[in-house]
Protein backbone atom coordinates (compact mmCIF):
# COMPACT_ATOMS: atom_id res chain seq x y z
CA UNK A 1 76.85 79.83 50.91
CA UNK A 2 79.88 78.71 48.93
CA UNK A 3 81.76 80.79 46.39
CA UNK A 4 83.48 78.77 43.66
CA UNK A 5 86.32 80.68 42.06
CA UNK A 6 88.13 80.02 38.81
CA UNK A 7 91.50 81.76 38.55
CA UNK A 8 93.90 82.10 35.67
CA UNK A 9 97.33 83.53 35.07
CA UNK A 10 99.69 84.09 32.16
CA UNK A 11 102.39 82.02 33.80
CA UNK A 12 102.32 79.12 36.28
CA UNK A 13 102.14 80.29 39.88
CA UNK A 14 104.92 79.09 42.18
CA UNK A 15 104.22 78.81 45.90
CA UNK A 16 106.09 77.35 48.87
CA UNK A 17 104.75 74.12 50.33
CA UNK A 18 103.63 76.18 53.32
CA UNK A 19 101.21 78.60 51.63
CA UNK A 20 97.86 78.46 53.46
CA UNK A 21 98.70 81.76 55.17
CA UNK A 22 99.24 83.35 51.74
CA UNK A 23 95.75 82.29 50.59
CA UNK A 24 94.26 83.40 53.92
CA UNK A 25 95.78 86.89 53.54
CA UNK A 26 94.34 87.18 50.01
CA UNK A 27 90.87 86.27 51.33
CA UNK A 28 91.06 88.95 54.01
CA UNK A 29 91.99 91.50 51.34
CA UNK A 30 88.96 90.46 49.29
CA UNK A 31 86.55 91.41 52.12
CA UNK A 32 85.29 94.73 50.80
CA UNK A 33 84.21 96.37 54.06
CA UNK A 34 87.31 97.48 56.02
CA UNK A 35 85.52 97.32 59.39
CA UNK A 36 84.37 93.73 58.87
CA UNK A 37 87.79 92.78 57.54
CA UNK A 38 89.52 94.19 60.63
CA UNK A 39 86.98 92.65 63.02
CA UNK A 40 87.41 89.17 61.57
CA UNK A 41 91.19 89.43 61.36
CA UNK A 42 91.69 90.83 64.85
CA UNK A 43 88.83 89.27 66.84
CA UNK A 44 86.31 86.99 65.14
CA UNK A 45 83.14 85.69 66.76
CA UNK A 46 83.82 84.68 70.36
CA UNK A 47 82.44 81.50 71.92
CA UNK A 48 83.64 80.39 75.36
CA UNK A 49 86.58 82.82 75.08
CA UNK A 50 87.71 81.29 71.78
CA UNK A 51 87.48 83.09 68.41
CA UNK A 52 85.71 81.62 65.38
CA UNK A 53 86.22 83.40 62.06
CA UNK A 54 83.27 81.51 60.50
CA UNK A 55 84.73 81.13 57.04
CA UNK A 56 86.55 78.26 55.38
CA UNK A 57 88.51 77.82 52.19
CA UNK A 58 89.82 74.98 50.08
CA UNK A 59 93.23 74.25 48.70
CA UNK A 60 94.10 75.58 45.27
CA UNK A 61 92.90 72.88 42.90
CA UNK A 62 94.07 72.08 39.39
CA UNK A 63 97.16 70.75 37.67
CA UNK A 64 100.13 70.96 40.01
CA UNK A 65 103.73 69.83 40.04
CA UNK A 66 106.67 70.03 42.41
CA UNK A 67 109.37 72.57 41.61
CA UNK A 68 112.58 71.15 40.16
CA UNK A 69 114.49 72.30 43.25
CA UNK A 70 111.91 70.53 45.48
CA UNK A 71 111.32 73.80 47.37
CA UNK A 72 107.71 74.42 46.45
CA UNK A 73 104.70 73.73 44.24
CA UNK A 74 103.87 74.96 40.75
CA UNK A 75 100.19 75.60 39.94
CA UNK A 76 99.45 75.49 36.23
CA UNK A 77 96.50 77.72 35.27
CA UNK A 78 93.60 77.61 35.36
CA UNK A 79 93.06 76.62 38.98
CA UNK A 80 90.07 76.63 41.29
CA UNK A 81 89.27 77.51 44.87
CA UNK A 82 86.21 77.44 47.15
CA UNK A 83 85.46 79.93 49.94
CA UNK A 84 82.41 79.52 52.18
CA UNK A 85 80.73 81.15 55.16
CA UNK A 86 77.37 80.92 56.97
CA UNK A 87 77.48 84.72 57.52
CA UNK A 88 75.50 86.23 54.65
CA UNK A 89 77.08 89.66 54.95
CA UNK A 90 80.58 88.17 54.81
CA UNK A 91 79.74 86.29 51.60
CA UNK A 92 78.36 89.50 50.05
CA UNK A 93 81.45 91.49 51.06
CA UNK A 94 83.72 88.80 49.62
CA UNK A 95 81.77 88.75 46.36
CA UNK A 96 81.90 92.57 46.18
CA UNK A 97 85.65 92.55 46.73
CA UNK A 98 86.16 89.87 44.11
CA UNK A 99 84.20 91.89 41.54
CA UNK A 100 86.05 95.11 42.35
CA UNK A 101 89.51 93.57 42.56
CA UNK A 102 89.67 90.50 40.29
CA UNK A 103 93.39 90.99 39.69
CA UNK A 104 95.40 89.63 42.60
CA UNK A 105 99.01 89.13 43.59
CA UNK A 106 99.95 85.69 44.88
CA UNK A 107 103.37 85.67 46.44
CA UNK A 108 104.53 88.41 44.05
CA UNK A 109 102.90 86.84 40.97
CA UNK A 110 99.86 88.05 39.06
CA UNK A 111 96.60 86.13 38.68
CA UNK A 112 93.02 86.99 37.78
CA UNK A 113 89.73 85.75 39.18
CA UNK A 114 88.00 84.76 35.95
CA UNK A 115 84.63 83.60 37.31
CA UNK A 116 82.80 83.53 40.65
CA UNK A 117 79.86 81.17 41.17
CA UNK A 118 77.64 81.43 44.24
CA UNK A 119 76.40 77.97 45.28
CA UNK A 120 73.60 77.43 47.78
CA UNK A 121 74.33 75.20 50.76
CA UNK A 122 70.66 74.43 51.50
CA UNK A 123 70.19 70.74 52.43
CA UNK A 124 66.81 68.98 52.30
CA UNK A 125 67.79 65.49 53.51
CA UNK A 126 69.20 64.11 56.75
CA UNK A 127 72.16 62.55 54.98
CA UNK A 128 74.63 63.86 52.41
CA UNK A 129 77.94 62.66 51.03
CA UNK A 130 80.77 65.17 50.95
CA UNK A 131 84.33 65.31 49.71
CA UNK A 132 86.94 67.18 51.72
CA UNK A 133 88.80 69.66 49.49
CA UNK A 134 90.97 70.82 52.36
CA UNK A 135 92.02 68.52 55.23
CA UNK A 136 89.65 68.04 58.17
CA UNK A 137 91.50 68.42 61.46
CA UNK A 138 90.47 67.86 65.09
CA UNK A 139 92.82 67.44 68.00
CA UNK A 140 93.33 67.34 71.76
CA UNK A 141 96.00 68.87 73.94
CA UNK A 142 97.50 66.01 75.94
CA UNK A 143 100.47 65.42 78.21
CA UNK A 144 103.09 62.69 78.32
CA UNK A 145 105.81 62.45 80.97
CA UNK A 146 104.98 65.97 82.03
CA UNK A 147 105.35 67.36 78.51
CA UNK A 148 102.36 68.75 76.57
CA UNK A 149 101.71 67.69 72.98
CA UNK A 150 98.96 67.89 70.38
CA UNK A 151 97.24 64.68 69.29
CA UNK A 152 95.45 64.80 65.92
CA UNK A 153 92.64 62.29 65.43
CA UNK A 154 92.02 59.96 62.51
CA UNK A 155 88.49 59.68 60.99
CA UNK A 156 88.53 56.07 62.23
CA UNK A 157 88.76 57.07 65.88
CA UNK A 158 85.49 57.71 67.71
CA UNK A 159 86.87 60.91 69.19
CA UNK A 160 87.14 62.35 65.66
CA UNK A 161 83.36 62.32 65.19
CA UNK A 162 82.71 63.58 68.73
CA UNK A 163 85.02 66.57 68.30
CA UNK A 164 83.66 67.43 64.84
CA UNK A 165 80.11 67.36 66.27
CA UNK A 166 81.05 69.47 69.30
CA UNK A 167 82.79 72.04 67.11
CA UNK A 168 79.84 72.21 64.69
CA UNK A 169 77.38 72.81 67.53
CA UNK A 170 79.50 75.71 68.78
CA UNK A 171 79.33 77.25 65.30
CA UNK A 172 75.56 76.68 65.23
CA UNK A 173 75.13 78.59 68.50
CA UNK A 174 77.23 81.46 67.17
CA UNK A 175 75.25 81.68 63.92
CA UNK A 176 71.71 81.13 65.27
CA UNK A 177 72.12 82.33 68.89
CA UNK A 178 70.67 79.09 70.24
CA UNK A 179 71.58 75.39 70.43
CA UNK A 180 70.23 73.10 67.69
CA UNK A 181 66.94 71.37 68.50
CA UNK A 182 68.43 68.13 67.22
CA UNK A 183 72.17 67.99 68.05
CA UNK A 184 72.71 64.51 66.62
CA UNK A 185 75.41 64.45 63.96
CA UNK A 186 77.48 61.63 62.49
CA UNK A 187 80.57 61.55 60.27
CA UNK A 188 81.23 58.25 58.49
CA UNK A 189 84.37 57.85 56.37
CA UNK A 190 83.36 56.21 53.08
CA UNK A 191 86.44 56.44 50.87
CA UNK A 192 89.49 57.44 52.86
CA UNK A 193 92.96 56.20 52.02
CA UNK A 194 96.10 56.47 54.13
CA UNK A 195 97.42 58.95 51.57
CA UNK A 196 94.50 61.23 52.43
CA UNK A 197 96.28 62.15 55.65
CA UNK A 198 97.97 65.49 55.04
CA UNK A 199 100.60 67.22 57.14
CA UNK A 200 100.49 70.98 56.64
CA UNK A 201 102.60 73.76 58.12
CA UNK A 202 100.82 76.98 58.97
CA UNK A 203 103.30 79.68 59.94
CA UNK A 204 105.67 77.02 61.20
CA UNK A 205 103.10 74.99 63.15
CA UNK A 206 102.52 71.40 62.01
CA UNK A 207 98.83 70.54 61.53
CA UNK A 208 97.57 67.08 60.55
CA UNK A 209 94.26 66.55 58.75
CA UNK A 210 92.40 64.23 56.42
CA UNK A 211 90.96 64.50 52.94
CA UNK A 212 88.56 61.82 51.70
CA UNK A 213 84.86 61.19 51.14
CA UNK A 214 82.44 61.11 54.08
CA UNK A 215 78.76 60.57 54.80
CA UNK A 216 77.26 63.22 57.09
CA UNK A 217 74.02 62.42 58.90
CA UNK A 218 71.96 64.71 61.11
CA UNK A 219 69.64 67.68 61.16
CA UNK A 220 69.67 69.40 57.74
CA UNK A 221 70.58 72.73 59.38
CA UNK A 222 73.73 71.16 60.83
CA UNK A 223 74.56 69.65 57.43
CA UNK A 224 74.13 73.08 55.81
CA UNK A 225 76.45 74.57 58.40
CA UNK A 226 79.05 71.89 57.67
CA UNK A 227 79.06 73.03 54.04
CA UNK A 228 79.17 76.75 54.78
CA UNK A 229 81.39 76.89 57.90
CA UNK A 230 83.55 73.79 57.42
CA UNK A 231 84.14 70.65 59.48
CA UNK A 232 86.51 70.50 62.42
CA UNK A 233 88.97 73.14 63.57
CA UNK A 234 91.18 75.79 61.94
CA UNK A 235 88.74 76.46 59.10
CA UNK A 236 89.97 80.02 58.49
CA UNK A 237 93.49 78.59 58.10
CA UNK A 238 92.36 76.42 55.19
CA UNK A 239 91.06 73.26 56.88
CA UNK A 240 87.76 71.39 56.71
CA UNK A 241 86.21 72.71 53.49
CA UNK A 242 83.78 70.11 52.09
CA UNK A 243 81.56 69.97 49.01
CA UNK A 244 78.65 67.63 48.17
CA UNK A 245 79.50 64.68 45.97
CA UNK A 246 78.03 61.39 44.82
CA UNK A 247 78.19 58.48 47.27
CA UNK A 248 79.74 56.32 44.55
CA UNK A 249 82.57 58.77 43.85
CA UNK A 250 85.99 57.63 45.01
CA UNK A 251 88.97 59.75 45.80
CA UNK A 252 91.85 59.73 43.39
CA UNK A 253 93.79 57.99 46.14
CA UNK A 254 91.83 54.77 45.68
CA UNK A 255 89.91 52.43 47.90
CA UNK A 256 88.48 52.85 51.40
CA UNK A 257 90.54 52.22 54.47
CA UNK A 258 88.95 49.70 56.87
């Protein structure tokens, strides 16, 4: 399930360039049940000794500008946001919190959640086209000259698709307590421009990811999970949120990269 939020404010909201952690903290506060909120924040759902929070959120979307001092971003109301999760109880607790506490504080500024729309993520076909509304990121820990480093993959590298598939299957096992009967899953970049690569800082750590439009092919249950749990890694940090779109729709950034 996806929750589409429309927010408004009396004045433009100013945020630092590095603000995913601010949005993440607001989402945790929206979870109405304190026990579930603490469990997700402190532990999450464990698979192979690694935690999965099993929720994903988009960037703030709307009219934006860079501050005059170049030290942050200005969001001009209204603006939108998407939060999604395959855990039904979590979606209900988020919706309850949003209804109880529509007035929020974003970095010391006041805003109001004006509307909340629940959107089904049920998929009937074996292929859908999606648009990334927060960057999709997958990576490997590598070593060069004895020094470790993180390598982030491009959608045009085969390892990108393999890692997205592997990550999605892990989420499937967590949600359904069994592997998918059909584990085949493909990610094809349709309209992805070099400007769709985004470099984001999360609490000081540099993370690279990609926006763009993609065709997903596979078992409908895996496609549904891609919409509700996100694609790739670091979903609960604001990466990998995708929404269905028309195959003919291009990104604002322009033409496909080949």
